[in-house]
Protein backbone atom coordinates (compact mmCIF):
# COMPACT_ATOMS: atom_id res chain seq x y z
CA MET A 1 -205.56 -113.05 -148.06
CA ALA A 2 -203.97 -110.85 -150.72
CA ASP A 3 -200.97 -112.20 -152.61
CA LYS A 4 -197.68 -110.95 -151.23
CA ASP A 5 -195.73 -108.58 -153.45
CA PHE A 6 -192.78 -110.24 -155.21
CA TYR A 7 -190.51 -107.23 -154.69
CA GLU A 8 -191.33 -107.28 -150.99
CA ILE A 9 -190.56 -111.01 -150.80
CA LEU A 10 -187.10 -110.43 -152.25
CA GLY A 11 -186.55 -107.29 -150.20
CA VAL A 12 -185.88 -105.00 -153.18
CA GLN A 13 -187.42 -101.84 -154.62
CA LYS A 14 -189.57 -101.95 -157.77
CA ASN A 15 -186.87 -100.10 -159.68
CA ALA A 16 -184.16 -102.56 -158.59
CA SER A 17 -181.70 -103.67 -161.28
CA ASP A 18 -181.42 -107.27 -162.46
CA ASP A 19 -178.16 -107.66 -160.54
CA GLU A 20 -179.73 -106.38 -157.33
CA ILE A 21 -182.63 -108.82 -157.71
CA LYS A 22 -180.29 -111.71 -158.40
CA LYS A 23 -178.01 -110.85 -155.47
CA SER A 24 -180.94 -110.61 -153.05
CA TYR A 25 -182.40 -113.89 -154.31
CA ARG A 26 -179.12 -115.75 -153.89
CA LYS A 27 -178.76 -114.48 -150.32
CA LEU A 28 -182.31 -115.52 -149.35
CA ALA A 29 -182.14 -118.85 -151.19
CA MET A 30 -178.95 -119.74 -149.35
CA LYS A 31 -180.60 -118.78 -146.07
CA TYR A 32 -183.78 -120.83 -146.55
CA HIS A 33 -182.55 -123.73 -148.68
CA PRO A 34 -183.94 -127.10 -147.41
CA ASP A 35 -180.48 -128.66 -147.26
CA ARG A 36 -179.54 -126.10 -144.62
CA ASN A 37 -182.82 -126.21 -142.75
CA LYS A 38 -183.74 -129.86 -142.30
CA ASP A 39 -187.39 -130.43 -141.30
CA ASP A 40 -188.05 -126.69 -141.01
CA LYS A 41 -191.43 -126.14 -142.66
CA GLU A 42 -191.29 -122.35 -142.34
CA SER A 43 -187.90 -122.18 -144.11
CA GLU A 44 -189.23 -124.51 -146.81
CA ARG A 45 -192.23 -122.22 -147.31
CA LYS A 46 -190.02 -119.12 -147.56
CA PHE A 47 -187.64 -120.89 -149.91
CA LYS A 48 -190.51 -121.69 -152.30
CA GLU A 49 -191.80 -118.15 -151.92
CA VAL A 50 -188.53 -116.41 -152.83
CA SER A 51 -187.92 -118.89 -155.66
CA ALA A 52 -191.32 -118.18 -157.16
CA ALA A 53 -190.75 -114.43 -156.89
CA TYR A 54 -187.35 -114.65 -158.51
CA GLU A 55 -188.67 -116.82 -161.36
CA ILE A 56 -190.94 -113.95 -162.37
CA LEU A 57 -188.70 -110.96 -161.71
CA LYS A 58 -185.56 -112.38 -163.37
CA ASP A 59 -187.41 -112.57 -166.73
CA SER A 60 -187.88 -109.14 -168.33
CA GLU A 61 -191.16 -110.10 -170.07
CA LYS A 62 -192.65 -111.72 -166.97
CA ARG A 63 -191.51 -108.83 -164.83
CA SER A 64 -193.14 -106.33 -167.20
CA ALA A 65 -196.40 -108.28 -167.11
CA TYR A 66 -196.25 -108.47 -163.31
CA ASP A 67 -195.58 -104.74 -163.00
CA GLN A 68 -198.62 -104.06 -165.19
CA TYR A 69 -201.13 -106.67 -164.05
CA GLY A 70 -199.79 -108.04 -160.76
CA HIS A 71 -200.42 -111.66 -159.80
CA ASP A 72 -203.42 -111.85 -162.19
CA ALA A 73 -200.96 -111.99 -165.09
CA PHE A 74 -199.98 -115.53 -164.10
CA ARG A 75 -203.26 -117.08 -163.01
CA GLN A 76 -205.34 -119.34 -165.23
CA GLY A 77 -206.94 -117.17 -167.89
CA GLY A 78 -204.85 -114.15 -166.95
CA MET A 79 -202.49 -112.09 -169.05
CA GLY A 80 -199.89 -114.83 -168.87
CA GLY A 81 -201.80 -116.91 -171.41
CA GLY A 82 -203.02 -119.47 -168.87
CA GLN A 83 -199.59 -120.58 -167.63
CA GLY A 84 -198.94 -120.68 -163.90
CA PHE A 85 -195.59 -119.67 -162.45
CA GLY A 86 -195.02 -122.90 -160.56
CA ASP A 87 -193.07 -124.84 -163.20
CA PHE A 88 -189.61 -123.35 -162.89
CA GLY A 89 -187.48 -126.33 -161.81
CA GLY A 90 -184.86 -125.70 -164.48
CA GLY A 91 -184.81 -122.00 -163.61
CA PHE A 92 -183.48 -121.97 -160.09
CA SER A 93 -181.88 -125.40 -160.06
CA ASP A 94 -179.17 -123.86 -162.24
CA ILE A 95 -178.65 -121.18 -159.62
CA PHE A 96 -178.14 -123.84 -156.95
CA GLU A 97 -175.49 -125.53 -159.01
CA GLU A 98 -173.44 -122.37 -158.32
CA PHE A 99 -174.12 -122.69 -154.58
CA PHE A 100 -173.80 -126.42 -153.98
CA GLY A 101 -171.99 -127.85 -157.01
CA GLY A 102 -175.02 -129.71 -158.34
CA GLY A 103 -178.81 -129.84 -158.46
CA PHE A 104 -181.20 -130.13 -155.53
CA GLY A 105 -179.75 -131.80 -152.47
CA GLY A 106 -176.22 -131.16 -153.73
CA GLN A 107 -176.48 -133.96 -156.31
CA SER A 108 -174.72 -133.56 -159.63
CA ARG A 109 -176.89 -133.80 -162.74
CA GLN A 110 -174.16 -135.10 -165.04
CA ARG A 111 -175.17 -137.62 -167.63
CA GLY A 112 -173.41 -140.51 -169.26
CA PRO A 113 -170.35 -142.58 -168.28
CA GLN A 114 -167.78 -140.60 -166.37
CA ARG A 115 -164.02 -140.29 -166.94
CA GLY A 116 -161.89 -142.49 -164.69
CA ASN A 117 -160.43 -141.33 -161.40
CA ASP A 118 -156.92 -139.91 -161.18
CA LEU A 119 -154.38 -141.93 -159.20
CA ARG A 120 -151.62 -140.71 -156.87
CA TYR A 121 -148.32 -142.48 -156.23
CA ASN A 122 -145.75 -141.23 -153.68
CA MET A 123 -142.17 -141.92 -154.77
CA SER A 124 -139.10 -141.46 -152.56
CA VAL A 125 -135.76 -140.87 -154.33
CA SER A 126 -132.22 -140.28 -153.10
CA LEU A 127 -130.46 -136.96 -153.64
CA GLN A 128 -128.20 -138.64 -156.21
CA GLU A 129 -131.25 -139.97 -158.09
CA ALA A 130 -132.77 -136.48 -157.99
CA TYR A 131 -129.52 -135.20 -159.51
CA SER A 132 -129.25 -137.75 -162.32
CA GLY A 133 -132.89 -138.77 -162.78
CA LYS A 134 -134.05 -142.36 -162.78
CA LYS A 135 -136.24 -144.85 -164.57
CA SER A 136 -138.36 -147.12 -162.46
CA GLN A 137 -141.20 -149.57 -162.72
CA ILE A 138 -144.01 -149.23 -160.22
CA ARG A 139 -147.04 -151.34 -159.42
CA ILE A 140 -150.28 -149.56 -158.70
CA PRO A 141 -153.74 -150.82 -157.77
CA SER A 142 -156.12 -149.90 -160.53
CA TYR A 143 -158.97 -151.05 -162.73
CA GLU A 144 -158.98 -152.06 -166.35
CA GLY A 145 -161.70 -152.50 -168.91
CA CYS A 146 -163.54 -155.79 -168.56
CA ASP A 147 -162.45 -158.15 -171.36
CA LEU A 148 -165.57 -160.29 -171.09
CA CYS A 149 -167.96 -157.49 -172.07
CA SER A 150 -165.41 -155.30 -173.91
CA ALA A 151 -165.85 -152.67 -171.17
CA THR A 152 -169.50 -152.10 -172.14
CA GLY A 153 -170.87 -153.39 -168.84
CA SER A 154 -173.52 -155.55 -170.54
CA ALA A 155 -173.34 -159.31 -171.07
CA ASP A 156 -174.28 -159.03 -174.76
CA LYS A 157 -171.81 -156.13 -175.28
CA SER A 158 -174.66 -153.88 -176.38
CA GLY A 159 -173.82 -151.26 -173.80
CA PRO A 160 -176.22 -149.08 -171.83
CA SER A 161 -179.72 -148.34 -173.08
CA THR A 162 -181.78 -145.22 -172.61
CA CYS A 163 -183.42 -145.08 -169.20
CA SER A 164 -187.17 -145.68 -169.51
CA THR A 165 -187.94 -143.64 -166.39
CA CYS A 166 -186.39 -140.32 -167.46
CA GLY A 167 -186.18 -140.88 -171.22
CA GLY A 168 -182.44 -140.26 -171.20
CA GLN A 169 -182.69 -136.87 -169.46
CA GLY A 170 -181.08 -138.07 -166.24
CA LYS A 171 -183.66 -136.15 -164.20
CA VAL A 172 -187.31 -136.36 -163.23
CA ARG A 173 -189.80 -133.80 -162.02
CA SER A 174 -192.31 -134.11 -159.24
CA THR A 175 -195.09 -131.60 -158.62
CA GLN A 176 -195.80 -130.29 -155.15
CA GLY A 177 -198.74 -127.93 -155.30
CA PHE A 178 -197.80 -125.01 -157.53
CA PHE A 179 -194.16 -126.11 -157.72
CA SER A 180 -192.34 -128.54 -159.95
CA ILE A 181 -189.20 -129.97 -158.32
CA GLU A 182 -186.45 -131.43 -160.49
CA ARG A 183 -184.33 -134.28 -159.11
CA PRO A 184 -181.81 -136.84 -160.44
CA CYS A 185 -183.50 -139.89 -161.87
CA PRO A 186 -183.64 -142.63 -159.18
CA THR A 187 -183.49 -145.42 -161.78
CA CYS A 188 -180.31 -144.46 -163.63
CA GLY A 189 -178.73 -142.25 -160.95
CA GLY A 190 -178.79 -139.22 -163.24
CA GLU A 191 -176.83 -140.83 -166.08
CA GLY A 192 -179.73 -141.07 -168.51
CA SER A 193 -178.97 -144.70 -169.33
CA SER A 194 -178.73 -148.07 -167.62
CA ILE A 195 -177.52 -151.64 -168.19
CA LYS A 196 -180.39 -154.08 -168.68
CA ASN A 197 -178.29 -157.25 -168.77
CA PRO A 198 -175.20 -156.65 -166.58
CA CYS A 199 -171.97 -158.50 -167.23
CA LEU A 200 -171.37 -161.16 -164.55
CA LYS A 201 -167.63 -160.49 -164.36
CA CYS A 202 -167.76 -156.73 -163.76
CA SER A 203 -171.36 -156.39 -162.45
CA GLY A 204 -172.21 -153.87 -165.14
CA THR A 205 -169.43 -151.39 -164.37
CA GLY A 206 -167.28 -152.30 -167.37
CA GLN A 207 -164.24 -152.48 -165.04
CA VAL A 208 -162.33 -155.15 -163.11
CA LYS A 209 -159.68 -154.72 -160.42
CA LYS A 210 -156.07 -155.32 -161.36
CA GLN A 211 -152.50 -154.53 -160.31
CA LYS A 212 -150.64 -152.96 -163.19
CA THR A 213 -146.97 -152.23 -163.74
CA ILE A 214 -145.91 -149.09 -165.56
CA SER A 215 -142.57 -147.52 -166.39
CA VAL A 216 -141.90 -144.10 -164.87
CA THR A 217 -139.13 -141.67 -165.77
CA ILE A 218 -138.12 -139.24 -163.03
CA PRO A 219 -136.32 -136.31 -164.70
CA ALA A 220 -133.06 -134.89 -163.36
CA GLY A 221 -133.50 -131.91 -161.05
CA VAL A 222 -136.69 -132.93 -159.23
CA ASP A 223 -137.20 -131.76 -155.65
CA THR A 224 -139.57 -132.65 -152.86
CA GLY A 225 -143.06 -131.61 -153.94
CA THR A 226 -142.43 -132.08 -157.66
CA ARG A 227 -145.53 -133.55 -159.29
CA ILE A 228 -145.23 -135.60 -162.47
CA ARG A 229 -148.37 -136.23 -164.52
CA ILE A 230 -148.65 -139.37 -166.65
CA SER A 231 -151.63 -138.94 -168.91
CA GLY A 232 -154.11 -141.80 -169.26
CA GLU A 233 -152.53 -144.06 -166.62
CA GLY A 234 -155.26 -143.53 -164.04
CA GLU A 235 -158.39 -145.62 -163.62
CA PRO A 236 -160.50 -146.27 -166.72
CA GLY A 237 -163.88 -144.60 -166.97
CA GLN A 238 -167.11 -146.47 -166.68
CA ARG A 239 -168.26 -148.43 -169.70
CA GLY A 240 -165.48 -147.33 -172.02
CA ALA A 241 -165.16 -143.68 -170.92
CA GLY A 242 -161.68 -142.11 -170.91
CA ASN A 243 -158.98 -142.94 -168.37
CA GLY A 244 -157.91 -140.66 -165.58
CA ASP A 245 -154.28 -139.61 -165.07
CA LEU A 246 -151.51 -140.84 -162.78
CA TYR A 247 -149.70 -138.29 -160.62
CA ILE A 248 -146.27 -139.09 -159.18
CA PHE A 249 -145.47 -137.01 -156.07
CA VAL A 250 -141.72 -136.92 -155.42
CA GLU A 251 -139.99 -136.80 -152.03
CA VAL A 252 -136.20 -136.38 -152.01
CA GLN A 253 -134.50 -138.09 -149.07
CA LYS A 254 -131.97 -136.30 -146.88
CA ASP A 255 -128.35 -137.12 -147.70
CA LYS A 256 -125.66 -137.97 -145.16
CA LEU A 257 -123.00 -135.88 -146.88
CA PHE A 258 -124.67 -133.16 -148.93
CA GLU A 259 -127.31 -130.57 -148.19
CA ARG A 260 -129.40 -129.06 -150.93
CA GLU A 261 -130.77 -125.53 -151.26
CA GLU A 262 -132.65 -125.33 -154.53
CA GLU A 263 -130.00 -125.88 -157.26
CA ASN A 264 -126.96 -125.53 -154.98
CA ILE A 265 -125.17 -128.20 -152.96
CA PHE A 266 -123.39 -127.63 -149.62
CA CYS A 267 -120.96 -129.90 -147.80
CA GLN A 268 -118.30 -129.72 -145.11
CA ILE A 269 -114.82 -131.28 -145.33
CA PRO A 270 -112.22 -131.61 -142.60
CA ILE A 271 -108.72 -130.29 -143.33
CA SER A 272 -105.62 -130.74 -141.22
CA VAL A 273 -104.03 -127.92 -139.27
CA THR A 274 -100.92 -128.07 -141.43
CA THR A 275 -102.96 -127.84 -144.64
CA ALA A 276 -104.85 -124.89 -143.21
CA ILE A 277 -101.57 -123.17 -142.26
CA LEU A 278 -99.38 -124.04 -145.23
CA GLY A 279 -102.03 -124.56 -147.91
CA GLY A 280 -102.38 -127.47 -150.28
CA ASP A 281 -104.76 -129.45 -152.49
CA VAL A 282 -107.54 -131.68 -151.19
CA GLU A 283 -110.04 -133.92 -152.98
CA VAL A 284 -113.73 -133.39 -152.30
CA PRO A 285 -116.63 -135.68 -153.33
CA THR A 286 -119.29 -134.34 -155.70
CA ILE A 287 -122.97 -135.17 -156.13
CA GLU A 288 -122.27 -136.89 -159.44
CA GLY A 289 -120.18 -139.53 -157.67
CA LYS A 290 -116.77 -138.21 -158.72
CA LYS A 291 -114.07 -136.17 -156.95
CA ALA A 292 -112.98 -132.58 -157.52
CA ARG A 293 -109.63 -131.07 -156.58
CA LEU A 294 -109.83 -128.04 -154.32
CA ASN A 295 -106.90 -125.70 -153.60
CA ILE A 296 -106.65 -124.58 -149.99
CA PRO A 297 -104.67 -121.31 -149.74
CA PRO A 298 -102.20 -120.80 -146.84
CA GLY A 299 -103.77 -119.39 -143.68
CA THR A 300 -107.26 -120.78 -144.36
CA GLN A 301 -109.53 -120.34 -141.35
CA SER A 302 -112.11 -122.84 -140.21
CA GLU A 303 -115.59 -122.31 -141.78
CA THR A 304 -114.06 -120.68 -144.87
CA GLN A 305 -116.34 -121.48 -147.83
CA PHE A 306 -115.17 -122.34 -151.34
CA ARG A 307 -117.34 -122.32 -154.46
CA LEU A 308 -117.09 -124.97 -157.16
CA LYS A 309 -119.01 -123.55 -160.10
CA GLY A 310 -121.31 -125.93 -161.97
CA LYS A 311 -120.83 -128.79 -159.50
CA GLY A 312 -124.24 -128.48 -157.86
CA MET A 313 -127.65 -129.99 -158.64
CA SER A 314 -129.21 -130.48 -162.01
CA ILE A 315 -131.99 -127.99 -162.75
CA LEU A 316 -135.32 -129.35 -163.91
CA ARG A 317 -135.80 -129.02 -167.67
CA GLN A 318 -132.50 -127.11 -168.06
CA THR A 319 -128.99 -128.10 -169.17
CA ARG A 320 -127.07 -125.99 -166.65
CA ARG A 321 -126.27 -126.97 -163.07
CA GLY A 322 -126.09 -125.14 -159.77
CA ASP A 323 -122.92 -124.65 -157.75
CA MET A 324 -121.29 -126.56 -154.93
CA TYR A 325 -120.12 -124.81 -151.78
CA VAL A 326 -117.46 -126.51 -149.67
CA GLU A 327 -116.93 -125.38 -146.09
CA ALA A 328 -113.49 -126.11 -144.59
CA LYS A 329 -113.44 -127.43 -141.05
CA VAL A 330 -109.95 -127.24 -139.54
CA GLU A 331 -109.43 -130.38 -137.49
CA ILE A 332 -107.43 -130.10 -134.24
CA PRO A 333 -105.15 -133.13 -133.77
CA VAL A 334 -105.61 -135.30 -130.69
CA ASN A 335 -103.54 -137.99 -128.89
CA LEU A 336 -100.21 -136.24 -129.58
CA ASN A 337 -96.98 -137.92 -128.52
CA SER A 338 -94.27 -136.13 -126.55
CA LYS A 339 -92.26 -135.21 -129.61
CA GLN A 340 -95.25 -133.63 -131.35
CA LYS A 341 -96.08 -131.67 -128.21
CA ALA A 342 -92.50 -130.45 -128.00
CA ILE A 343 -92.66 -129.23 -131.58
CA LEU A 344 -95.81 -127.27 -130.83
CA GLN A 345 -94.29 -125.81 -127.68
CA GLU A 346 -91.30 -124.69 -129.71
CA PHE A 347 -93.72 -123.20 -132.23
CA GLU A 348 -95.34 -121.31 -129.38
CA LYS A 349 -91.98 -119.97 -128.17
CA GLU A 350 -91.19 -118.75 -131.64
CA GLY A 351 -94.34 -116.62 -131.57
CA GLY A 352 -96.34 -118.85 -133.84
CA THR A 353 -99.58 -118.11 -131.97
CA SER A 354 -99.02 -114.39 -131.52
CA LYS A 355 -101.61 -111.86 -132.63
CA LYS A 356 -99.47 -111.19 -135.69
CA HIS A 357 -100.17 -114.69 -136.95
CA SER A 358 -103.74 -114.93 -135.65
CA PRO A 359 -105.91 -112.39 -137.51
CA LYS A 360 -109.18 -113.47 -135.88
CA SER A 361 -107.72 -113.16 -132.38
CA GLN A 362 -106.21 -109.78 -133.24
CA SER A 363 -109.58 -108.57 -134.52
CA PHE A 364 -111.37 -109.90 -131.44
CA PHE A 365 -109.03 -108.28 -128.93
CA SER A 366 -109.11 -104.97 -130.83
CA LYS A 367 -112.90 -104.94 -130.56
CA LEU A 368 -112.71 -105.93 -126.89
CA LYS A 369 -110.35 -103.04 -126.22
CA GLU A 370 -112.75 -100.60 -127.87
CA VAL A 371 -115.64 -101.91 -125.76
CA LEU A 372 -113.67 -101.55 -122.54
CA GLU A 373 -112.62 -98.00 -123.44
CA ASP A 374 -116.24 -97.07 -124.08
CA LEU A 375 -117.21 -98.37 -120.62
CA THR A 376 -114.60 -96.28 -118.78
């Protein structure tokens, strides 16, 4: 049976550009890759077929030879100088790193000891602590370098030695017919080195479990979702590799008195009817734990809002503060005695509740009158 044309295998024309060839190969390789087609011999055959075609056509010199001499250019004794086209493990394994994040089977081909894992710690703070910032000590489960082997992982502190199976490459090749398949080394797990005489305390990892206490500074102005990175306070890497980082995720608790909207603070305060009518000064609490004096003008209506500039929340990494907004809630007195009721009745007789003295009522009834006139 005649050899199948490489351009036909990839579904492209002979004058196709390098980008078109690469795009078609990626699409077909994704479709037929063994990881996506378990135990499918036909997909495996097509995968090898498109990979072989791409190995030739992606290389300008090989493609030129193929265009001129066909498959004979790559057979023993042909124009290819006696080299077959089967040994291309490094060629398309790099392509699959783009698809699957690693080599064949989705396995990473990284070598050497790896940096330690990052750690996450969730910290809950009060609104007042978010305003002022806080210093705290926290305990976190972690690992530290083994003191018995000086974090080398080996009992004699010599550290890892070059893997004899892969010669330090971290990968091995196996030949299947015309094809050479590259895989992570089974002896060293792709690291290129191994521990011959593991430390008894850490079992060759160079790490031991430990609870550690660290000091954490939460800056003023944090909000829920703020993430604080503490460099080098994560888990140590294997056999002396660098530490990971610690990330503090902040959650600000709800407050009983104040509500926060970004850098501004909102609160409600009750004021007496007489203060609302006659005016006066009231003291209001602030987020910093002090009190501020607020002037209530005569005739203040319920839900009137007052702004106290610069009395709001701290702003992260800034010196200025937000504002505080105080909403007045006029409190209606209850459990009046007979004398108090008589005073109010006299107030009523004197026209104290007439429209003249009740701007909201006057506005409401004016609008109601207009609505009724429109309906007639």
